[in-house]
Amino acid sequence: MKKNDITILGAGLIGSLMAIYLKRQGLDVSIYDKRPDRRKIPYSEAGRSINMALSHRGWKSLEQVGLKDKVLPFAIPMYGRRVHDEHGGTAFVPYGKADQAIYSISRGNFNQLLVEEAERLGAEIHFEHKCLDVNFRTDEVIFDTPEGEKKLTPSVIIGADGAYSALRMSMQKQIRFNYRQEYISHGYKELTIPATPLGEFAMDPNALHIWPRGKFMLIALPNPDKSFTCTLFLPFQGTKVCFEKIQDEKDLETVFRAYFDDAYQVMPDLKTEFFKNPTAALVNIECYPWVQGNALLLGDASHAMVPFYGQGMNCGFEDCSILNGLIEKLGTNAWDLVFEKFQKKRKPDTDAICQLAMENFIEMRDSVADPKFLLRKKIEAKLHELYPKEWIPLYTMVTFTDMGYAEAYAQGKLQEAIMNKVMASPLITENWDKLDYEDIINQMETAKAV
């Protein structure tokens, strides 16, 4: 098998980063994307994106390819959640220690930076090439292009073409391919809080703002132009507040004044944006195997997740880093071994983070407004401060370390069981600072040993 001639499907964040890794190894890489080149034809993603939350795993990958310093100017640190109640009051819940942050970054500019870096390193990028089918018997990829149908037979195919992957669709026609998708009952719509008339941020720029309202919520992430990208998550139908029941501007104003009034006051374009921007669905996808012949699925194509842990992009970037490490170790004459080891190593971790993302949706919309939840987070932070190695909060393990997601998930479940007991004390609110923290740690050590 020739070591070069690698075809990547998808010029999004994951496909572009994978191309950069492979070019740095001296391999020949071509990327094919169904969309037009946004640098030549104004291609608007406005109203179609949730801002990315770049954290440790993502930064680690960017550092490996020498891009951290180029990306930093596009990113704004968020040191915690700023929770907005229905009366306009707010409470700040740190994500970790004082210096730990996740970073808000807009998808469009970030994607363009990665595409240009891949091109600079010599990757060939072909836009307006829609993958129609992959024939695993002949290793042939068929594209629809402006010039008509085109066929290629690359040595290696990497499908980084997202949740609705064309490569995965071709794999689904094969025998013994397992596939499961689940749409959650909620959709999302992108909205904006612009900069103030004086050109400043309308709210605290160093926090992820969240308006949790039980069955629905609004979030807002800062942008370098002093605006916030907001995402409204509502059920599609069937509840008192849902997309189906917002039919006109009056309905919209009623909902926002009742539940998000402080946001409403700083959203002058709300009514225009709400009815112009699409309402998008949220899907969780699991499949296996990720390998068929000379082809591999990567990122959302193999494990699309709902966005509630902020790990979709970070997990995809970690995929690229791990795959790159296996290529370095095993070489380019053993792609079948590289791909097999990759999927076996990675599948348990991606299953775990997909599950965590689903569970965190419930936490974000229901729990973060609960005083007991805030107290629980305080106790966990204290445990981490006193016993930094023995007790690492789940969010910290996932967001600020590169511990395997599956291991973090398992440890998180042990911690959850112990914290449930701690929080069950009727006097916990009065006595939380007098707890026997050493005893809690001993319980954790015993649970781990079982």
Protein backbone atom coordinates (compact mmCIF):
# COMPACT_ATOMS: atom_id res chain seq x y z
CA MET A 1 0.00 0.00 0.00
CA LYS A 2 1.44 3.37 -0.95
CA LYS A 3 2.16 5.44 2.09
CA ASN A 4 0.85 8.64 0.53
CA ASP A 5 -2.40 9.34 -1.33
CA ILE A 6 -4.68 9.88 1.66
CA THR A 7 -8.20 11.19 0.97
CA ILE A 8 -10.01 13.01 3.77
CA LEU A 9 -13.75 13.57 3.40
CA GLY A 10 -14.78 16.84 5.07
CA ALA A 11 -12.88 20.13 5.45
CA GLY A 12 -14.45 20.94 8.81
CA LEU A 13 -12.53 21.28 12.07
CA ILE A 14 -11.64 17.58 12.40
CA GLY A 15 -10.81 16.94 8.74
CA SER A 16 -8.60 20.04 8.54
CA LEU A 17 -6.73 19.21 11.75
CA MET A 18 -6.18 15.58 10.64
CA ALA A 19 -4.76 16.86 7.35
CA ILE A 20 -2.34 19.09 9.28
CA TYR A 21 -1.13 16.15 11.39
CA LEU A 22 -0.64 13.96 8.29
CA LYS A 23 1.13 16.69 6.27
CA ARG A 24 3.52 17.21 9.19
CA GLN A 25 4.39 13.52 8.83
CA GLY A 26 5.22 14.11 5.17
CA LEU A 27 2.21 12.30 3.71
CA ASP A 28 0.25 13.31 0.61
CA VAL A 29 -3.22 14.50 1.60
CA SER A 30 -6.26 15.61 -0.37
CA ILE A 31 -9.42 16.94 1.31
CA TYR A 32 -12.84 16.87 -0.37
CA ASP A 33 -15.74 18.95 0.94
CA LYS A 34 -19.28 19.31 -0.41
CA ARG A 35 -19.53 23.01 0.53
CA PRO A 36 -18.17 25.93 -1.49
CA ASP A 37 -14.94 27.63 -0.42
CA ARG A 38 -16.14 30.28 2.01
CA ARG A 39 -13.14 32.47 1.11
CA LYS A 40 -14.31 32.78 -2.53
CA ILE A 41 -18.09 32.55 -2.25
CA PRO A 42 -19.75 34.18 0.77
CA TYR A 43 -20.97 31.04 2.53
CA SER A 44 -22.91 32.00 5.62
CA GLU A 45 -23.07 29.77 8.68
CA ALA A 46 -24.88 32.52 10.55
CA GLY A 47 -27.65 31.10 12.65
CA ARG A 48 -26.33 27.56 12.24
CA SER A 49 -23.71 27.11 14.91
CA ILE A 50 -23.15 26.68 18.61
CA ASN A 51 -19.89 28.38 19.64
CA MET A 52 -17.12 25.90 20.38
CA ALA A 53 -15.81 25.47 23.93
CA LEU A 54 -12.12 24.70 23.51
CA SER A 55 -10.61 22.91 26.52
CA HIS A 56 -7.49 20.95 27.52
CA ARG A 57 -7.79 18.08 25.00
CA GLY A 58 -8.31 20.50 22.12
CA TRP A 59 -5.46 22.79 23.17
CA LYS A 60 -3.15 19.79 23.54
CA SER A 61 -3.78 18.79 19.91
CA LEU A 62 -3.30 22.35 18.67
CA GLU A 63 -0.02 22.55 20.60
CA GLN A 64 1.18 19.31 18.98
CA VAL A 65 0.78 20.86 15.52
CA GLY A 66 2.22 24.24 16.56
CA LEU A 67 -1.03 26.20 16.28
CA LYS A 68 -1.79 27.21 19.86
CA ASP A 69 -0.41 30.75 19.52
CA LYS A 70 -2.28 31.32 16.23
CA VAL A 71 -5.60 30.21 17.75
CA LEU A 72 -5.34 32.09 21.08
CA PRO A 73 -6.34 35.53 19.64
CA PHE A 74 -9.68 34.02 18.50
CA ALA A 75 -10.48 32.49 21.91
CA ILE A 76 -11.99 34.04 25.05
CA PRO A 77 -11.48 32.33 28.43
CA MET A 78 -14.59 31.42 30.45
CA TYR A 79 -13.74 30.60 34.08
CA GLY A 80 -17.17 29.25 35.05
CA ARG A 81 -20.92 29.32 34.49
CA ARG A 82 -22.79 32.49 35.33
CA VAL A 83 -26.28 31.27 36.22
CA HIS A 84 -29.15 33.73 35.64
CA ASP A 85 -32.30 33.32 37.72
CA GLU A 86 -35.77 34.44 36.62
CA HIS A 87 -35.50 37.71 38.57
CA GLY A 88 -32.28 38.89 36.89
CA GLY A 89 -29.96 37.78 39.71
CA THR A 90 -26.81 35.81 38.88
CA ALA A 91 -24.51 33.32 40.64
CA PHE A 92 -21.04 32.36 39.46
CA VAL A 93 -20.03 28.67 39.56
CA PRO A 94 -16.30 28.16 38.73
CA TYR A 95 -15.39 25.33 36.36
CA GLY A 96 -12.30 24.42 38.33
CA LYS A 97 -9.47 26.19 40.11
CA ALA A 98 -9.06 29.95 39.72
CA ASP A 99 -6.86 29.74 36.60
CA GLN A 100 -8.82 26.96 34.84
CA ALA A 101 -10.98 28.03 31.92
CA ILE A 102 -12.66 26.73 28.82
CA TYR A 103 -12.40 28.98 25.77
CA SER A 104 -15.20 30.30 23.59
CA ILE A 105 -14.31 30.26 19.90
CA SER A 106 -16.44 30.86 16.82
CA ARG A 107 -16.55 27.90 14.42
CA GLY A 108 -16.23 29.88 11.16
CA ASN A 109 -12.97 31.76 11.79
CA PHE A 110 -11.41 28.78 13.53
CA ASN A 111 -12.25 26.44 10.65
CA GLN A 112 -10.80 28.89 8.13
CA LEU A 113 -7.54 29.11 10.12
CA LEU A 114 -7.20 25.30 10.10
CA VAL A 115 -8.03 25.00 6.37
CA GLU A 116 -5.41 27.64 5.53
CA GLU A 117 -2.78 25.91 7.67
CA ALA A 118 -3.49 22.57 5.94
CA GLU A 119 -3.12 24.30 2.56
CA ARG A 120 0.09 26.04 3.65
CA LEU A 121 1.57 22.63 4.52
CA GLY A 122 0.64 21.34 1.05
CA ALA A 123 -2.72 19.60 1.44
CA GLU A 124 -4.88 19.84 -1.68
CA ILE A 125 -8.42 20.99 -0.86
CA HIS A 126 -11.28 20.40 -3.30
CA PHE A 127 -14.50 22.23 -2.50
CA GLU A 128 -17.92 21.51 -4.04
CA HIS A 129 -17.07 17.79 -4.18
CA LYS A 130 -19.98 15.89 -2.68
CA CYS A 131 -19.24 12.25 -1.86
CA LEU A 132 -22.02 10.12 -3.36
CA ASP A 133 -20.74 6.64 -2.52
CA VAL A 134 -17.73 4.58 -1.48
CA ASN A 135 -17.29 1.15 -3.05
CA PHE A 136 -15.31 -0.96 -0.57
CA ARG A 137 -14.83 -3.80 -3.10
CA THR A 138 -12.96 -1.55 -5.55
CA ASP A 139 -11.78 1.14 -3.05
CA GLU A 140 -13.47 3.69 -5.29
CA VAL A 141 -14.89 7.02 -4.07
CA ILE A 142 -17.51 8.71 -6.27
CA PHE A 143 -18.00 12.49 -6.12
CA ASP A 144 -20.53 14.86 -7.61
CA THR A 145 -18.65 17.99 -8.71
CA PRO A 146 -19.49 21.14 -10.76
CA GLU A 147 -17.73 19.41 -13.70
CA GLY A 148 -19.78 16.23 -13.29
CA GLU A 149 -19.12 12.87 -11.64
CA LYS A 150 -15.56 12.08 -10.56
CA LYS A 151 -14.09 8.75 -9.37
CA LEU A 152 -10.97 8.23 -7.24
CA THR A 153 -9.20 5.17 -5.85
CA PRO A 154 -7.13 6.49 -2.91
CA SER A 155 -4.91 4.27 -0.76
CA VAL A 156 -6.57 5.48 2.44
CA ILE A 157 -9.92 7.18 3.11
CA ILE A 158 -10.63 9.07 6.34
CA GLY A 159 -14.24 10.12 6.84
CA ALA A 160 -14.32 13.32 8.91
CA ASP A 161 -17.55 14.39 7.24
CA GLY A 162 -19.69 14.93 10.33
CA ALA A 163 -22.85 13.49 11.85
CA TYR A 164 -24.44 12.90 8.43
CA SER A 165 -21.30 11.26 7.03
CA ALA A 166 -21.42 9.97 3.45
CA LEU A 167 -18.69 7.44 4.27
CA ARG A 168 -20.72 6.08 7.16
CA MET A 169 -23.82 5.87 4.93
CA SER A 170 -21.80 3.66 2.58
CA MET A 171 -20.61 1.54 5.52
CA GLN A 172 -24.21 1.08 6.65
CA LYS A 173 -24.88 -0.89 3.47
CA GLN A 174 -22.30 -3.48 4.56
CA ILE A 175 -23.15 -6.52 6.67
CA ARG A 176 -22.54 -6.55 10.43
CA PHE A 177 -22.37 -2.78 10.76
CA ASN A 178 -24.03 -1.59 13.97
CA TYR A 179 -25.66 1.82 13.95
CA ARG A 180 -27.85 3.70 16.39
CA GLN A 181 -29.05 7.29 16.35
CA GLU A 182 -31.18 9.15 18.84
CA TYR A 183 -32.65 12.61 18.38
CA ILE A 184 -33.42 14.31 21.68
CA SER A 185 -36.78 16.02 22.14
CA HIS A 186 -35.12 19.46 22.09
CA GLY A 187 -33.90 21.55 19.19
CA TYR A 188 -31.78 24.69 19.20
CA LYS A 189 -31.79 28.11 17.61
CA GLU A 190 -28.89 30.54 17.40
CA LEU A 191 -29.45 34.14 18.56
CA THR A 192 -27.21 37.12 19.38
CA ILE A 193 -26.52 39.62 22.14
CA PRO A 194 -24.63 42.40 20.31
CA ALA A 195 -22.02 44.71 21.81
CA THR A 196 -23.46 47.70 23.70
CA PRO A 197 -23.81 51.07 21.87
CA LEU A 198 -20.45 51.98 23.47
CA GLY A 199 -18.86 48.88 21.92
CA GLU A 200 -18.51 46.89 25.15
CA PHE A 201 -19.71 43.46 26.28
CA ALA A 202 -23.30 43.58 27.58
CA MET A 203 -22.45 41.00 30.31
CA ASP A 204 -19.44 39.39 32.02
CA PRO A 205 -17.26 38.24 29.07
CA ASN A 206 -15.34 35.59 31.02
CA ALA A 207 -18.20 33.22 31.78
CA LEU A 208 -20.55 30.87 29.99
CA HIS A 209 -23.94 32.44 30.72
CA ILE A 210 -26.82 30.06 31.35
CA TRP A 211 -30.51 30.61 32.00
CA PRO A 212 -31.68 27.16 33.27
CA ARG A 213 -35.47 26.83 33.31
CA GLY A 214 -36.22 23.17 34.04
CA LYS A 215 -37.35 21.80 30.69
CA PHE A 216 -35.49 24.37 28.58
CA MET A 217 -32.61 26.86 28.72
CA LEU A 218 -30.68 29.65 27.04
CA ILE A 219 -26.87 29.86 26.97
CA ALA A 220 -24.52 32.61 25.76
CA LEU A 221 -20.81 32.49 24.88
CA PRO A 222 -18.60 35.57 24.27
CA ASN A 223 -16.99 36.57 20.95
CA PRO A 224 -13.92 38.79 20.27
CA ASP A 225 -16.17 41.46 18.66
CA LYS A 226 -17.82 41.95 22.11
CA SER A 227 -21.01 40.16 21.11
CA PHE A 228 -22.36 36.89 22.55
CA THR A 229 -23.55 33.92 20.52
CA CYS A 230 -26.67 32.65 22.27
CA THR A 231 -28.27 29.26 21.86
CA LEU A 232 -31.89 28.66 22.84
CA PHE A 233 -32.71 25.02 23.64
CA LEU A 234 -36.44 24.24 23.68
CA PRO A 235 -38.53 21.12 23.13
CA PHE A 236 -39.84 20.99 19.57
CA GLN A 237 -43.39 20.39 20.81
CA GLY A 238 -45.66 19.07 23.54
CA THR A 239 -44.89 21.41 26.46
CA LYS A 240 -46.06 24.84 27.57
CA VAL A 241 -42.85 26.45 26.24
CA CYS A 242 -41.72 24.88 22.95
CA PHE A 243 -40.78 25.92 19.42
CA GLU A 244 -44.15 24.79 18.07
CA LYS A 245 -46.00 27.28 20.30
CA ILE A 246 -43.95 30.35 19.33
CA GLN A 247 -45.87 31.37 16.22
CA ASP A 248 -45.42 35.15 16.13
CA GLU A 249 -43.52 38.05 17.72
CA LYS A 250 -46.05 38.35 20.54
CA ASP A 251 -45.56 34.69 21.56
CA LEU A 252 -41.79 35.18 21.44
CA GLU A 253 -41.87 38.33 23.56
CA THR A 254 -44.13 36.64 26.13
CA VAL A 255 -41.70 33.72 26.55
CA PHE A 256 -38.57 35.88 26.76
CA ARG A 257 -40.10 38.44 29.15
CA ALA A 258 -41.33 35.66 31.42
CA TYR A 259 -38.19 33.47 31.48
CA PHE A 260 -35.18 35.39 30.11
CA ASP A 261 -36.05 39.03 30.77
CA ASP A 262 -32.49 40.26 31.50
CA ALA A 263 -31.34 38.66 28.22
CA TYR A 264 -34.35 40.09 26.36
CA GLN A 265 -33.31 43.62 27.40
CA VAL A 266 -29.98 43.28 25.54
CA MET A 267 -31.26 41.42 22.43
CA PRO A 268 -32.46 44.15 20.02
CA ASP A 269 -32.44 41.76 17.02
CA LEU A 270 -34.21 38.89 18.78
CA LYS A 271 -37.45 38.99 16.78
CA THR A 272 -35.71 39.19 13.41
CA GLU A 273 -33.17 36.47 14.24
CA PHE A 274 -35.65 34.08 15.81
CA PHE A 275 -37.88 33.87 12.74
CA LYS A 276 -35.00 34.02 10.22
CA ASN A 277 -32.60 31.49 11.76
CA PRO A 278 -33.32 27.77 11.37
CA THR A 279 -34.33 25.52 14.26
CA ALA A 280 -31.84 22.65 14.28
CA ALA A 281 -32.09 19.15 15.73
CA LEU A 282 -29.67 17.48 18.16
CA VAL A 283 -28.57 13.92 17.52
CA ASN A 284 -26.49 11.30 19.32
CA ILE A 285 -24.90 8.71 17.00
CA GLU A 286 -23.11 5.48 17.86
CA CYS A 287 -21.80 2.98 15.33
CA TYR A 288 -19.25 0.19 14.98
CA PRO A 289 -16.97 -0.87 13.41
CA TRP A 290 -15.41 2.43 12.32
CA VAL A 291 -13.24 0.61 9.77
CA GLN A 292 -14.20 -0.90 6.44
CA GLY A 293 -11.42 -1.95 4.08
CA ASN A 294 -9.06 1.01 3.69
CA ALA A 295 -11.52 3.51 5.22
CA LEU A 296 -11.89 4.91 8.75
CA LEU A 297 -14.55 7.10 10.39
CA LEU A 298 -13.34 9.95 12.62
CA GLY A 299 -14.96 12.57 14.87
CA ASP A 300 -18.72 13.13 14.56
CA ALA A 301 -18.90 10.65 11.68
CA SER A 302 -18.29 7.85 14.22
CA HIS A 303 -19.62 9.36 17.46
CA ALA A 304 -21.75 12.50 17.11
CA MET A 305 -22.85 13.76 20.51
CA VAL A 306 -25.21 16.39 21.88
CA PRO A 307 -23.30 19.60 22.80
CA PHE A 308 -23.91 19.69 26.55
CA TYR A 309 -20.44 18.76 27.79
CA GLY A 310 -18.63 21.01 25.33
CA GLN A 311 -16.52 18.02 24.24
CA GLY A 312 -17.60 17.31 20.64
CA MET A 313 -14.74 19.21 19.01
CA ASN A 314 -12.26 18.42 21.81
CA CYS A 315 -13.04 14.71 21.49
CA GLY A 316 -12.65 14.90 17.69
CA PHE A 317 -9.30 16.68 18.06
CA GLU A 318 -8.19 13.98 20.52
CA ASP A 319 -9.21 11.37 17.89
CA CYS A 320 -6.78 13.07 15.47
CA SER A 321 -3.98 13.14 18.08
CA ILE A 322 -4.39 9.45 18.98
CA LEU A 323 -4.61 8.35 15.33
CA ASN A 324 -1.50 10.40 14.52
CA GLY A 325 0.37 8.78 17.43
CA LEU A 326 -0.49 5.29 16.15
CA ILE A 327 0.69 6.19 12.62
CA GLU A 328 3.98 7.48 14.07
CA LYS A 329 4.41 4.29 16.10
CA LEU A 330 3.31 1.65 13.57
CA GLY A 331 4.20 3.34 10.28
CA THR A 332 2.33 3.82 7.01
CA ASN A 333 2.76 0.27 5.71
CA ALA A 334 0.29 -1.05 8.29
CA TRP A 335 -2.84 1.06 7.92
CA ASP A 336 -5.08 -1.91 8.72
CA LEU A 337 -3.28 -2.40 12.07
CA VAL A 338 -3.34 1.37 12.79
CA PHE A 339 -7.08 1.56 12.12
CA GLU A 340 -7.88 -1.58 14.13
CA LYS A 341 -5.90 -0.41 17.17
CA PHE A 342 -7.46 3.06 16.90
CA GLN A 343 -11.08 1.91 16.97
CA LYS A 344 -10.48 -0.60 19.80
CA LYS A 345 -8.71 2.00 21.95
CA ARG A 346 -11.12 4.84 21.24
CA LYS A 347 -14.61 3.29 21.23
CA PRO A 348 -15.04 2.88 25.04
CA ASP A 349 -14.00 6.50 25.57
CA THR A 350 -16.32 7.95 22.93
CA ASP A 351 -19.24 5.87 24.28
CA ALA A 352 -18.53 7.36 27.72
CA ILE A 353 -18.41 11.00 26.58
CA CYS A 354 -21.59 10.60 24.50
CA GLN A 355 -23.34 9.32 27.64
CA LEU A 356 -21.91 12.14 29.77
CA ALA A 357 -23.10 14.73 27.24
CA MET A 358 -26.66 13.37 27.49
CA GLU A 359 -26.53 13.39 31.31
CA ASN A 360 -25.09 16.91 31.44
CA PHE A 361 -28.07 18.25 29.49
CA ILE A 362 -30.28 17.37 32.46
CA GLU A 363 -27.79 18.95 34.87
CA MET A 364 -27.56 22.19 32.87
CA ARG A 365 -31.27 22.78 32.38
CA ASP A 366 -32.51 21.47 35.79
CA SER A 367 -29.82 21.34 38.44
CA VAL A 368 -27.57 24.39 38.11
CA ALA A 369 -30.29 26.68 39.50
CA ASP A 370 -30.76 24.44 42.57
CA PRO A 371 -29.04 25.73 45.76
CA LYS A 372 -28.32 22.12 46.77
CA PHE A 373 -26.47 21.60 43.47
CA LEU A 374 -24.34 24.71 44.09
CA LEU A 375 -23.55 23.46 47.59
CA ARG A 376 -22.59 20.06 46.21
CA LYS A 377 -20.15 21.74 43.81
CA LYS A 378 -18.68 23.72 46.74
CA ILE A 379 -18.09 20.53 48.73
CA GLU A 380 -16.47 18.83 45.73
CA ALA A 381 -14.22 21.86 45.14
CA LYS A 382 -13.17 21.75 48.82
CA LEU A 383 -12.41 18.01 48.55
CA HIS A 384 -10.29 18.68 45.46
CA GLU A 385 -8.47 21.51 47.23
CA LEU A 386 -7.69 19.36 50.31
CA TYR A 387 -7.00 16.12 48.41
CA PRO A 388 -6.05 17.12 44.85
CA LYS A 389 -4.99 13.60 43.79
CA GLU A 390 -7.63 11.55 45.61
CA TRP A 391 -10.69 13.58 44.59
CA ILE A 392 -10.85 15.13 41.12
CA PRO A 393 -14.36 16.37 40.22
CA LEU A 394 -15.82 14.69 37.13
CA TYR A 395 -15.99 17.98 35.19
CA THR A 396 -12.30 18.58 35.93
CA MET A 397 -11.32 15.06 34.78
CA VAL A 398 -13.22 15.51 31.50
CA THR A 399 -12.35 19.13 30.77
CA PHE A 400 -8.93 19.85 32.28
CA THR A 401 -7.10 16.51 31.92
CA ASP A 402 -6.56 13.94 29.19
CA MET A 403 -7.64 11.00 31.36
CA GLY A 404 -9.64 8.55 29.24
CA TYR A 405 -13.32 9.50 29.16
CA ALA A 406 -14.31 5.96 30.21
CA GLU A 407 -12.09 6.08 33.29
CA ALA A 408 -13.41 9.56 34.18
CA TYR A 409 -16.98 8.31 33.77
CA ALA A 410 -16.37 5.32 36.08
CA GLN A 411 -14.70 7.48 38.75
CA GLY A 412 -17.48 10.04 38.42
CA LYS A 413 -20.09 7.38 39.18
CA LEU A 414 -18.24 6.35 42.37
CA GLN A 415 -18.03 10.00 43.45
CA GLU A 416 -21.70 10.54 42.67
CA ALA A 417 -22.74 7.66 44.93
CA ILE A 418 -20.63 9.00 47.81
CA MET A 419 -21.85 12.59 47.32
CA ASN A 420 -25.47 11.40 47.28
CA LYS A 421 -24.92 10.04 50.79
CA VAL A 422 -23.20 13.25 51.93
CA MET A 423 -25.99 15.44 50.54
CA ALA A 424 -28.69 13.26 52.16
CA SER A 425 -27.84 14.67 55.60
CA PRO A 426 -30.75 16.90 56.74
CA LEU A 427 -28.24 19.41 58.20
CA ILE A 428 -25.91 19.56 55.22
CA THR A 429 -26.68 23.21 54.41
CA GLU A 430 -25.70 24.36 57.93
CA ASN A 431 -22.81 21.94 58.49
CA TRP A 432 -21.15 21.50 55.10
CA ASP A 433 -17.93 23.24 56.16
CA LYS A 434 -17.64 20.98 59.25
CA LEU A 435 -17.77 17.74 57.26
CA ASP A 436 -15.21 15.00 57.89
CA TYR A 437 -13.52 15.35 54.51
CA GLU A 438 -10.94 12.70 55.32
CA ASP A 439 -13.73 10.18 55.88
CA ILE A 440 -15.23 11.04 52.47
CA ILE A 441 -11.84 10.36 50.85
CA ASN A 442 -11.53 7.06 52.72
CA GLN A 443 -14.96 6.06 51.37
CA MET A 444 -13.74 6.89 47.87
CA GLU A 445 -10.55 4.83 48.28
CA THR A 446 -12.61 1.87 49.57
CA ALA A 447 -15.06 2.17 46.65
CA LYS A 448 -12.16 2.20 44.15
CA ALA A 449 -10.66 -0.92 45.73
CA VAL A 450 -13.87 -2.96 45.46
